[in-house]
Amino acid sequence: MTISEAQERARSARKDSAGPRRTELLDAAARCFAEHGYDHTSVETITTRAQVSRATFYAYFSSKDEVFRAITEQVCTQFLDAQLVVNVEATEPIEVIGATTRAFADAVFANGALVALIEHRAGVDPTIGALWSQVRIRLRRRFTAFLEGVEDRGEIDPCAPLWRIVETLSDALLIGASRLADADHDAREQFVADHIAIAERLIGFTR
């Protein structure tokens, strides 16, 4: 086994362990990317923010690209988890819409400028593009499948095909919430309330 192969195996083991040092590096890198953008963030920028050596960085990540992919994976996981905040079998559909809309908006608010940066990198980095596309497709499919069940029970009268409504709502929520990442609490709350009201109208709850 070569030295580089041994280093890569060690990095993989540390990634799987998800220890506190790796988490600290990810948090520092996320702040750097959000503040400075992708091009103006370097490994040195990240290590300075995290107060660690370059050797420590390379013990966990092979490059700036790899740490950005790891951050993207974290954001994607947060977005998927936002759809699981309630038990859909035991919750009224209209309440599910409200709870999941708020949870998804909060996930976007929490990631601020990273969302726009991931959107941009998805267009130039095939790996990021695949990750971002996959999570958005999964989110839409879950939402559509949920609404199809509600429609089958006669509880909604949608104004357009469900897949189109879901596409419109998810894009509007992602873009709108990312623009308000630095807004005050009241502005965020108003956005969420307005988006829920729009969703209810488009979906067409009958009761």
Protein backbone atom coordinates (compact mmCIF):
# COMPACT_ATOMS: atom_id res chain seq x y z
CA MET A 1 0.00 0.00 0.00
CA THR A 2 1.36 3.45 -0.93
CA ILE A 3 1.45 6.39 1.45
CA SER A 4 -1.32 8.18 -0.49
CA GLU A 5 -3.54 5.09 -0.35
CA ALA A 6 -3.00 4.82 3.38
CA GLN A 7 -3.86 8.51 3.82
CA GLU A 8 -7.04 8.11 1.80
CA ARG A 9 -8.14 5.12 3.87
CA ALA A 10 -7.45 7.07 7.04
CA ARG A 11 -9.51 9.99 5.74
CA SER A 12 -12.37 7.65 4.89
CA ALA A 13 -12.28 6.17 8.39
CA ARG A 14 -12.37 9.64 9.94
CA LYS A 15 -15.26 10.63 7.68
CA ASP A 16 -17.26 7.62 8.83
CA SER A 17 -16.49 8.39 12.46
CA ALA A 18 -17.84 11.97 12.09
CA GLY A 19 -15.85 13.10 15.13
CA PRO A 20 -15.94 16.56 16.70
CA ARG A 21 -12.79 17.80 14.90
CA ARG A 22 -14.31 16.99 11.49
CA THR A 23 -17.52 18.74 12.53
CA GLU A 24 -15.54 21.82 13.59
CA LEU A 25 -13.78 21.89 10.22
CA LEU A 26 -17.10 21.60 8.37
CA ASP A 27 -18.63 24.41 10.43
CA ALA A 28 -15.63 26.66 9.82
CA ALA A 29 -15.59 25.87 6.11
CA ALA A 30 -19.33 26.56 5.81
CA ARG A 31 -18.89 29.99 7.40
CA CYS A 32 -15.95 30.78 5.10
CA PHE A 33 -17.81 29.75 1.96
CA ALA A 34 -20.89 31.71 3.01
CA GLU A 35 -18.89 34.85 3.78
CA HIS A 36 -16.27 34.82 1.02
CA GLY A 37 -17.77 32.67 -1.74
CA TYR A 38 -16.22 29.60 -3.28
CA ASP A 39 -13.39 31.15 -5.29
CA HIS A 40 -12.16 33.36 -2.46
CA THR A 41 -12.13 30.57 0.12
CA SER A 42 -8.94 28.52 0.34
CA VAL A 43 -7.75 25.69 2.55
CA GLU A 44 -5.74 28.31 4.43
CA THR A 45 -8.87 30.42 4.94
CA ILE A 46 -10.62 27.42 6.45
CA THR A 47 -7.75 26.33 8.67
CA THR A 48 -7.30 29.87 9.96
CA ARG A 49 -11.00 30.08 10.86
CA ALA A 50 -10.93 26.64 12.47
CA GLN A 51 -7.60 27.38 14.20
CA VAL A 52 -6.02 24.14 13.01
CA SER A 53 -3.01 23.26 10.90
CA ARG A 54 -3.10 22.34 7.21
CA ALA A 55 -2.02 18.85 8.24
CA THR A 56 -5.14 18.53 10.38
CA PHE A 57 -7.32 19.66 7.47
CA TYR A 58 -5.78 17.12 5.11
CA ALA A 59 -6.23 14.40 7.70
CA TYR A 60 -9.98 14.76 7.10
CA PHE A 61 -10.36 16.19 3.60
CA SER A 62 -8.28 15.84 0.46
CA SER A 63 -9.20 19.25 -0.98
CA LYS A 64 -11.43 22.32 -0.85
CA ASP A 65 -13.73 20.56 -3.32
CA GLU A 66 -14.19 17.63 -0.97
CA VAL A 67 -15.07 19.76 2.04
CA PHE A 68 -17.60 21.70 -0.06
CA ARG A 69 -19.18 18.42 -1.18
CA ALA A 70 -19.45 17.36 2.46
CA ILE A 71 -21.18 20.65 3.31
CA THR A 72 -23.57 20.19 0.39
CA GLU A 73 -24.42 16.71 1.66
CA GLN A 74 -25.20 18.18 5.09
CA VAL A 75 -27.52 20.81 3.61
CA CYS A 76 -29.26 18.17 1.49
CA THR A 77 -29.83 16.02 4.58
CA GLN A 78 -31.33 18.98 6.45
CA PHE A 79 -33.74 19.61 3.59
CA LEU A 80 -34.84 15.97 3.46
CA ASP A 81 -35.29 15.88 7.24
CA ALA A 82 -37.52 18.96 7.03
CA GLN A 83 -40.18 16.80 5.37
CA LEU A 84 -40.16 14.39 8.29
CA VAL A 85 -41.05 16.75 11.13
CA VAL A 86 -44.53 15.32 11.60
CA ASN A 87 -46.22 11.94 11.46
CA VAL A 88 -48.22 12.33 8.26
CA GLU A 89 -50.46 9.39 9.15
CA ALA A 90 -51.62 11.00 12.37
CA THR A 91 -51.65 14.68 11.33
CA GLU A 92 -54.22 16.62 9.35
CA PRO A 93 -52.89 17.30 5.82
CA ILE A 94 -53.27 21.06 6.15
CA GLU A 95 -51.16 20.93 9.31
CA VAL A 96 -48.55 18.82 7.52
CA ILE A 97 -48.22 21.52 4.86
CA GLY A 98 -47.74 24.21 7.50
CA ALA A 99 -45.21 22.26 9.57
CA THR A 100 -43.09 21.06 6.65
CA THR A 101 -43.13 24.48 4.98
CA ARG A 102 -41.87 26.11 8.16
CA ALA A 103 -39.22 23.42 8.72
CA PHE A 104 -37.92 23.70 5.17
CA ALA A 105 -37.83 27.51 5.33
CA ASP A 106 -35.93 27.32 8.63
CA ALA A 107 -33.39 24.97 7.01
CA VAL A 108 -32.87 27.48 4.20
CA PHE A 109 -32.62 30.41 6.65
CA ALA A 110 -30.03 28.49 8.69
CA ASN A 111 -27.80 27.96 5.67
CA GLY A 112 -28.04 31.49 4.35
CA ALA A 113 -25.72 32.27 1.46
CA LEU A 114 -24.68 28.62 1.19
CA VAL A 115 -27.91 27.80 -0.65
CA ALA A 116 -27.20 30.30 -3.43
CA LEU A 117 -23.59 29.12 -3.55
CA ILE A 118 -24.62 25.48 -3.88
CA GLU A 119 -27.06 26.46 -6.63
CA HIS A 120 -24.19 28.14 -8.50
CA ARG A 121 -21.70 25.31 -7.94
CA ALA A 122 -24.30 22.81 -9.13
CA GLY A 123 -23.99 24.39 -12.56
CA VAL A 124 -20.22 24.02 -12.80
CA ASP A 125 -19.38 20.99 -10.66
CA PRO A 126 -21.03 17.75 -11.87
CA THR A 127 -20.76 16.11 -8.46
CA ILE A 128 -22.49 19.00 -6.70
CA GLY A 129 -24.98 19.18 -9.54
CA ALA A 130 -25.88 15.51 -9.12
CA LEU A 131 -26.26 15.83 -5.33
CA TRP A 132 -28.40 18.97 -5.61
CA SER A 133 -30.57 17.61 -8.39
CA GLN A 134 -31.13 14.32 -6.59
CA VAL A 135 -32.27 15.92 -3.34
CA ARG A 136 -34.64 18.31 -5.10
CA ILE A 137 -36.17 15.45 -7.08
CA ARG A 138 -36.61 13.40 -3.90
CA LEU A 139 -38.27 16.33 -2.12
CA ARG A 140 -40.71 16.88 -4.97
CA ARG A 141 -41.55 13.20 -5.32
CA ARG A 142 -42.27 12.87 -1.60
CA PHE A 143 -44.45 15.99 -1.59
CA THR A 144 -46.32 14.93 -4.73
CA ALA A 145 -46.92 11.40 -3.43
CA PHE A 146 -48.29 12.82 -0.17
CA LEU A 147 -50.67 15.16 -1.98
CA GLU A 148 -51.82 12.41 -4.34
CA GLY A 149 -52.97 10.43 -1.32
CA VAL A 150 -54.82 13.44 0.05
CA GLU A 151 -56.46 14.03 -3.35
CA ASP A 152 -57.55 10.39 -3.55
CA ARG A 153 -59.42 10.89 -0.28
CA GLY A 154 -61.24 13.90 -1.73
CA GLU A 155 -59.71 16.36 0.74
CA ILE A 156 -58.20 18.72 -1.84
CA ASP A 157 -59.22 20.19 -5.20
CA PRO A 158 -55.91 21.37 -6.72
CA CYS A 159 -55.92 24.22 -9.23
CA ALA A 160 -53.33 22.54 -11.49
CA PRO A 161 -51.59 19.17 -11.83
CA LEU A 162 -50.05 18.29 -8.50
CA TRP A 163 -46.54 17.88 -9.88
CA ARG A 164 -46.73 21.43 -11.24
CA ILE A 165 -47.97 22.83 -7.95
CA VAL A 166 -45.20 21.05 -6.07
CA GLU A 167 -42.56 22.32 -8.50
CA THR A 168 -43.84 25.88 -8.17
CA LEU A 169 -44.07 25.82 -4.38
CA SER A 170 -40.68 24.18 -3.81
CA ASP A 171 -38.86 26.57 -6.14
CA ALA A 172 -40.58 29.61 -4.64
CA LEU A 173 -39.81 28.48 -1.10
CA LEU A 174 -36.15 27.77 -1.82
CA ILE A 175 -35.50 31.00 -3.68
CA GLY A 176 -37.64 33.21 -1.46
CA ALA A 177 -36.27 31.91 1.83
CA SER A 178 -32.66 32.14 0.62
CA ARG A 179 -33.19 35.81 -0.19
CA LEU A 180 -34.41 36.41 3.36
CA ALA A 181 -31.58 34.53 5.08
CA ASP A 182 -30.29 37.77 6.65
CA ALA A 183 -33.71 39.35 7.24
CA ASP A 184 -35.15 39.97 10.69
CA HIS A 185 -37.47 37.57 12.50
CA ASP A 186 -40.69 39.39 11.55
CA ALA A 187 -39.85 39.41 7.84
CA ARG A 188 -39.09 35.70 7.92
CA GLU A 189 -42.28 34.92 9.80
CA GLN A 190 -44.35 36.92 7.33
CA PHE A 191 -42.74 35.10 4.41
CA VAL A 192 -43.50 31.69 5.93
CA ALA A 193 -47.09 32.64 6.74
CA ASP A 194 -47.63 34.00 3.23
CA HIS A 195 -46.10 30.91 1.62
CA ILE A 196 -48.31 28.58 3.67
CA ALA A 197 -51.39 30.58 2.66
CA ILE A 198 -50.38 30.42 -1.01
CA ALA A 199 -49.75 26.66 -0.74
CA GLU A 200 -53.16 26.05 0.83
CA ARG A 201 -54.87 28.04 -1.92
CA LEU A 202 -53.02 26.31 -4.78
CA ILE A 203 -53.49 22.85 -3.30
CA GLY A 204 -57.18 23.59 -2.73
CA PHE A 205 -58.15 22.17 0.64
CA THR A 206 -61.85 21.39 0.68
CA ARG A 207 -62.18 21.19 4.45
